[in-house]
Protein backbone atom coordinates (compact mmCIF):
# COMPACT_ATOMS: atom_id res chain seq x y z
CA UNK A 1 -18.47 -22.32 20.80
CA UNK A 2 -15.07 -22.25 19.06
CA UNK A 3 -13.80 -19.44 21.32
CA UNK A 4 -14.87 -21.37 24.44
CA UNK A 5 -13.06 -24.40 23.13
CA UNK A 6 -9.95 -22.37 22.33
CA UNK A 7 -9.74 -20.80 25.80
CA UNK A 8 -8.86 -24.19 27.29
CA UNK A 9 -6.05 -24.78 24.83
CA UNK A 10 -2.41 -24.16 25.51
CA UNK A 11 0.00 -22.70 23.00
CA UNK A 12 3.77 -22.51 23.36
CA UNK A 13 5.98 -20.21 21.30
CA UNK A 14 9.73 -20.38 20.89
CA UNK A 15 11.02 -17.16 19.37
CA UNK A 16 14.30 -15.32 18.97
CA UNK A 17 14.85 -12.37 21.32
CA UNK A 18 18.47 -11.20 21.35
CA UNK A 19 20.18 -7.87 21.95
CA UNK A 20 20.59 -7.45 18.20
CA UNK A 21 17.35 -8.84 16.84
CA UNK A 22 13.78 -9.67 17.80
CA UNK A 23 11.59 -12.10 15.89
CA UNK A 24 8.62 -9.98 14.80
CA UNK A 25 6.72 -12.97 13.43
CA UNK A 26 6.89 -14.44 16.92
CA UNK A 27 5.25 -11.32 18.33
CA UNK A 28 2.55 -11.51 15.66
CA UNK A 29 1.96 -15.19 16.44
CA UNK A 30 1.71 -14.46 20.16
CA UNK A 31 -0.81 -11.68 19.56
CA UNK A 32 -2.87 -13.81 17.16
CA UNK A 33 -3.07 -16.72 19.57
CA UNK A 34 -4.16 -14.51 22.46
CA UNK A 35 -6.82 -12.88 20.30
CA UNK A 36 -8.07 -16.37 19.48
CA UNK A 37 -8.41 -17.18 23.16
CA UNK A 38 -5.29 -19.31 23.71
CA UNK A 39 -3.17 -19.26 26.84
CA UNK A 40 0.33 -18.61 25.51
CA UNK A 41 3.64 -19.64 27.05
CA UNK A 42 6.27 -17.39 25.49
CA UNK A 43 9.81 -18.83 25.41
CA UNK A 44 12.71 -16.60 24.38
CA UNK A 45 15.78 -17.93 22.57
CA UNK A 46 18.33 -15.35 23.65
CA UNK A 47 21.59 -16.38 21.99
CA UNK A 48 22.83 -18.10 18.81
CA UNK A 49 23.68 -21.26 20.77
CA UNK A 50 20.13 -21.60 22.12
CA UNK A 51 18.66 -20.97 18.68
CA UNK A 52 20.94 -23.54 17.03
CA UNK A 53 20.21 -26.13 19.74
CA UNK A 54 16.45 -25.61 19.41
CA UNK A 55 16.56 -25.96 15.61
CA UNK A 56 18.65 -29.11 15.88
CA UNK A 57 16.39 -30.67 18.52
CA UNK A 58 13.18 -30.13 16.57
CA UNK A 59 14.61 -30.50 13.07
CA UNK A 60 13.52 -27.05 11.90
CA UNK A 61 15.27 -24.35 9.89
CA UNK A 62 13.53 -21.25 11.23
CA UNK A 63 12.04 -19.65 14.31
CA UNK A 64 9.50 -18.83 15.64
CA UNK A 65 7.95 -22.24 16.15
CA UNK A 66 4.50 -22.67 17.65
CA UNK A 67 3.25 -25.72 19.52
CA UNK A 68 -0.42 -26.28 20.33
CA UNK A 69 -1.40 -29.11 22.69
CA UNK A 70 2.16 -30.46 22.49
CA UNK A 71 1.95 -30.69 18.68
CA UNK A 72 4.24 -28.55 16.55
CA UNK A 73 2.25 -26.30 14.23
CA UNK A 74 5.19 -24.50 12.63
CA UNK A 75 5.88 -20.84 11.95
CA UNK A 76 3.55 -17.85 11.67
CA UNK A 77 2.25 -18.74 8.20
CA UNK A 78 1.58 -22.30 9.38
CA UNK A 79 -0.28 -20.91 12.39
CA UNK A 80 -2.51 -18.79 10.16
CA UNK A 81 -3.32 -21.87 8.09
CA UNK A 82 -3.96 -23.90 11.26
CA UNK A 83 -6.40 -21.28 12.54
CA UNK A 84 -8.15 -21.03 9.18
CA UNK A 85 -6.97 -17.51 8.46
CA UNK A 86 -6.29 -16.71 4.82
CA UNK A 87 -2.74 -15.72 3.99
CA UNK A 88 -2.55 -13.39 0.98
CA UNK A 89 -0.64 -14.83 -1.93
CA UNK A 90 2.36 -12.94 -3.30
CA UNK A 91 0.62 -12.44 -6.65
CA UNK A 92 -2.74 -11.43 -5.17
CA UNK A 93 -3.95 -7.94 -6.05
CA UNK A 94 -5.96 -5.49 -3.95
CA UNK A 95 -7.42 -2.00 -4.30
CA UNK A 96 -7.16 -1.37 -0.54
CA UNK A 97 -4.09 0.97 -0.61
CA UNK A 98 -5.56 3.35 -3.18
CA UNK A 99 -9.02 3.31 -1.53
CA UNK A 100 -7.47 4.20 1.84
CA UNK A 101 -5.44 6.96 0.20
CA UNK A 102 -8.56 8.45 -1.40
CA UNK A 103 -10.38 8.35 1.95
CA UNK A 104 -7.48 10.22 3.60
CA UNK A 105 -7.48 12.77 0.76
CA UNK A 106 -11.24 13.29 1.19
CA UNK A 107 -10.84 13.73 4.96
CA UNK A 108 -8.03 16.24 4.40
CA UNK A 109 -10.16 18.18 1.89
CA UNK A 110 -13.12 18.38 4.29
CA UNK A 111 -10.86 19.41 7.16
CA UNK A 112 -9.17 22.12 5.09
CA UNK A 113 -12.53 23.51 3.96
CA UNK A 114 -13.96 23.81 7.45
CA UNK A 115 -10.76 25.24 8.92
CA UNK A 116 -10.64 27.93 6.23
CA UNK A 117 -14.40 28.61 6.62
CA UNK A 118 -14.45 30.22 3.20
CA UNK A 119 -15.77 28.18 0.29
CA UNK A 120 -17.51 24.98 1.40
CA UNK A 121 -18.97 24.13 -1.99
CA UNK A 122 -18.77 20.75 -3.72
CA UNK A 123 -16.52 22.32 -6.34
CA UNK A 124 -13.97 23.42 -3.74
CA UNK A 125 -14.14 20.00 -2.08
CA UNK A 126 -13.35 18.28 -5.38
CA UNK A 127 -10.46 20.68 -6.03
CA UNK A 128 -8.94 19.94 -2.63
CA UNK A 129 -9.69 16.21 -2.82
CA UNK A 130 -8.06 15.68 -6.21
CA UNK A 131 -5.06 17.90 -5.46
CA UNK A 132 -4.54 16.20 -2.07
CA UNK A 133 -4.76 12.78 -3.71
CA UNK A 134 -2.16 13.86 -6.28
CA UNK A 135 0.28 14.90 -3.55
CA UNK A 136 -0.27 11.70 -1.56
CA UNK A 137 0.10 9.52 -4.66
CA UNK A 138 3.27 11.37 -5.62
CA UNK A 139 4.75 10.84 -2.16
CA UNK A 140 3.99 7.12 -2.38
CA UNK A 141 5.92 6.93 -5.64
CA UNK A 142 8.88 8.84 -4.18
CA UNK A 143 9.40 6.23 -1.44
CA UNK A 144 11.29 4.10 -3.97
CA UNK A 145 11.46 5.99 -7.21
CA UNK A 146 13.51 3.37 -9.03
CA UNK A 147 11.00 0.60 -8.35
CA UNK A 148 8.18 2.95 -9.33
CA UNK A 149 9.92 3.79 -12.60
CA UNK A 150 10.41 0.11 -13.41
CA UNK A 151 6.70 -0.60 -12.96
CA UNK A 152 5.62 2.64 -14.68
CA UNK A 153 7.70 1.79 -17.75
CA UNK A 154 5.66 -1.37 -18.30
CA UNK A 155 2.64 0.61 -19.49
CA UNK A 156 3.16 4.38 -19.77
CA UNK A 157 3.56 5.32 -23.44
CA UNK A 158 5.63 8.48 -22.91
CA UNK A 159 7.96 6.81 -20.39
CA UNK A 160 8.60 4.00 -22.88
CA UNK A 161 9.85 6.60 -25.38
CA UNK A 162 11.63 8.82 -22.84
CA UNK A 163 12.72 6.79 -19.81
CA UNK A 164 13.67 9.79 -17.66
CA UNK A 165 10.01 10.85 -17.65
CA UNK A 166 9.30 7.92 -15.32
CA UNK A 167 11.67 9.49 -12.78
CA UNK A 168 10.26 13.00 -13.23
CA UNK A 169 6.61 11.96 -12.99
CA UNK A 170 6.31 11.74 -9.15
CA UNK A 171 7.76 15.25 -8.83
CA UNK A 172 5.38 16.54 -11.50
CA UNK A 173 2.43 14.95 -9.69
CA UNK A 174 3.43 16.29 -6.26
CA UNK A 175 4.29 19.75 -7.53
CA UNK A 176 1.13 20.13 -9.60
CA UNK A 177 -0.99 18.92 -6.69
CA UNK A 178 0.52 21.47 -4.30
CA UNK A 179 0.06 24.32 -6.78
CA UNK A 180 -3.53 23.29 -7.48
CA UNK A 181 -4.27 23.00 -3.77
CA UNK A 182 -3.11 26.56 -3.13
CA UNK A 183 -4.42 27.97 -6.41
CA UNK A 184 -0.92 29.18 -7.27
CA UNK A 185 0.57 29.32 -10.78
CA UNK A 186 -2.45 27.61 -12.30
CA UNK A 187 -1.26 28.65 -15.75
CA UNK A 188 1.69 26.28 -15.21
CA UNK A 189 0.24 23.48 -13.07
CA UNK A 190 -3.00 22.92 -14.98
CA UNK A 191 -1.48 22.38 -18.46
CA UNK A 192 1.24 20.09 -17.06
CA UNK A 193 -1.37 18.04 -15.22
CA UNK A 194 -3.60 17.92 -18.31
CA UNK A 195 -0.79 16.56 -20.50
CA UNK A 196 0.56 14.06 -17.94
CA UNK A 197 -2.88 12.76 -16.96
CA UNK A 198 -4.06 12.51 -20.57
CA UNK A 199 -1.03 10.42 -21.49
CA UNK A 200 -1.61 8.33 -18.36
CA UNK A 201 -5.27 7.72 -19.20
CA UNK A 202 -4.47 6.71 -22.78
CA UNK A 203 -1.65 4.44 -21.57
CA UNK A 204 -3.85 2.66 -19.03
CA UNK A 205 -6.72 2.27 -21.49
CA UNK A 206 -4.41 0.81 -24.14
CA UNK A 207 -2.66 -1.59 -21.74
CA UNK A 208 -5.83 -2.86 -20.04
CA UNK A 209 -8.66 -2.61 -22.56
CA UNK A 210 -6.85 -2.84 -25.91
CA UNK A 211 -3.82 -5.04 -25.23
CA UNK A 212 -5.64 -6.97 -22.45
CA UNK A 213 -2.53 -7.03 -20.27
CA UNK A 214 -2.66 -7.93 -16.57
CA UNK A 215 -0.31 -5.52 -14.86
CA UNK A 216 0.21 -3.95 -11.45
CA UNK A 217 -0.48 -0.23 -11.17
CA UNK A 218 2.38 2.04 -10.11
CA UNK A 219 -0.09 4.60 -8.73
CA UNK A 220 0.81 3.97 -5.07
CA UNK A 221 4.47 3.15 -5.63
CA UNK A 222 6.71 0.50 -7.07
CA UNK A 223 5.82 -2.26 -4.63
CA UNK A 224 2.11 -2.02 -5.32
CA UNK A 225 -0.37 -4.91 -5.39
CA UNK A 226 -3.02 -2.65 -6.94
CA UNK A 227 -4.12 -4.00 -10.33
CA UNK A 228 -3.91 -1.74 -13.36
CA UNK A 229 -7.49 -1.15 -14.41
CA UNK A 230 -10.56 0.98 -13.86
CA UNK A 231 -9.33 2.69 -10.67
CA UNK A 232 -6.07 3.66 -12.40
CA UNK A 233 -8.01 5.03 -15.35
CA UNK A 234 -10.36 6.92 -13.03
CA UNK A 235 -7.39 8.52 -11.25
CA UNK A 236 -6.07 9.93 -14.51
CA UNK A 237 -9.50 11.02 -15.73
CA UNK A 238 -10.09 12.92 -12.47
CA UNK A 239 -6.78 14.72 -12.95
CA UNK A 240 -7.72 15.59 -16.56
CA UNK A 241 -11.10 17.00 -15.47
CA UNK A 242 -9.47 18.93 -12.63
CA UNK A 243 -6.94 20.49 -15.02
CA UNK A 244 -9.64 21.44 -17.54
CA UNK A 245 -11.79 22.96 -14.80
CA UNK A 246 -8.92 25.09 -13.51
CA UNK A 247 -7.98 26.24 -17.02
CA UNK A 248 -11.55 27.34 -17.70
CA UNK A 249 -11.49 29.41 -14.51
CA UNK A 250 -8.33 31.34 -15.23
């Protein structure tokens, strides 16, 4: 019923489209309205003079601006609110990034096993899954290593004593993951992983379950909304078990 009602409604967007810049929130608003069944009239503001005149006429500070049935709704966030779509708060946490990363790591592990057509056991799958996850997690941290280090320092016990460790950690994680994946230099990669992951597990346990602190996890980088908690602890425990397994098979 609501979609039939929406199809008869008209929406008008005024958004900036210049040679130097395009208003991406305007594009998102246009797409959202069309998906909700609105007929959209898309107006481009193509120069600074047009943009300034529009803002002055309607008494607004920003574009895009959306009008529905000749009533100004506002910008993209206002449109989401108008349509009853939740807008995630800045301080809201989510496990989605790390869950997606683990799914990708699992898919990679399965793909690698069937391409190689050698060992398709559960043990080999877990080896490839954990090592792939380590590499992917390390790459996420390396996107902005300074922001990662800042977040990592808030809970890692070794990094708090030796700050440079926070900057080395993503390289350790990536390197150890690659070596474990290929089964190369296990005598080096496994002990390093065991030490780093053990410290990580203890640090997370202390911060979350002993000190009862509410922190963001640096596991997927420095701009993460993932809460520090069980998933973070599980990540480190998996790395510990992987390292122990590889050491016992030397």
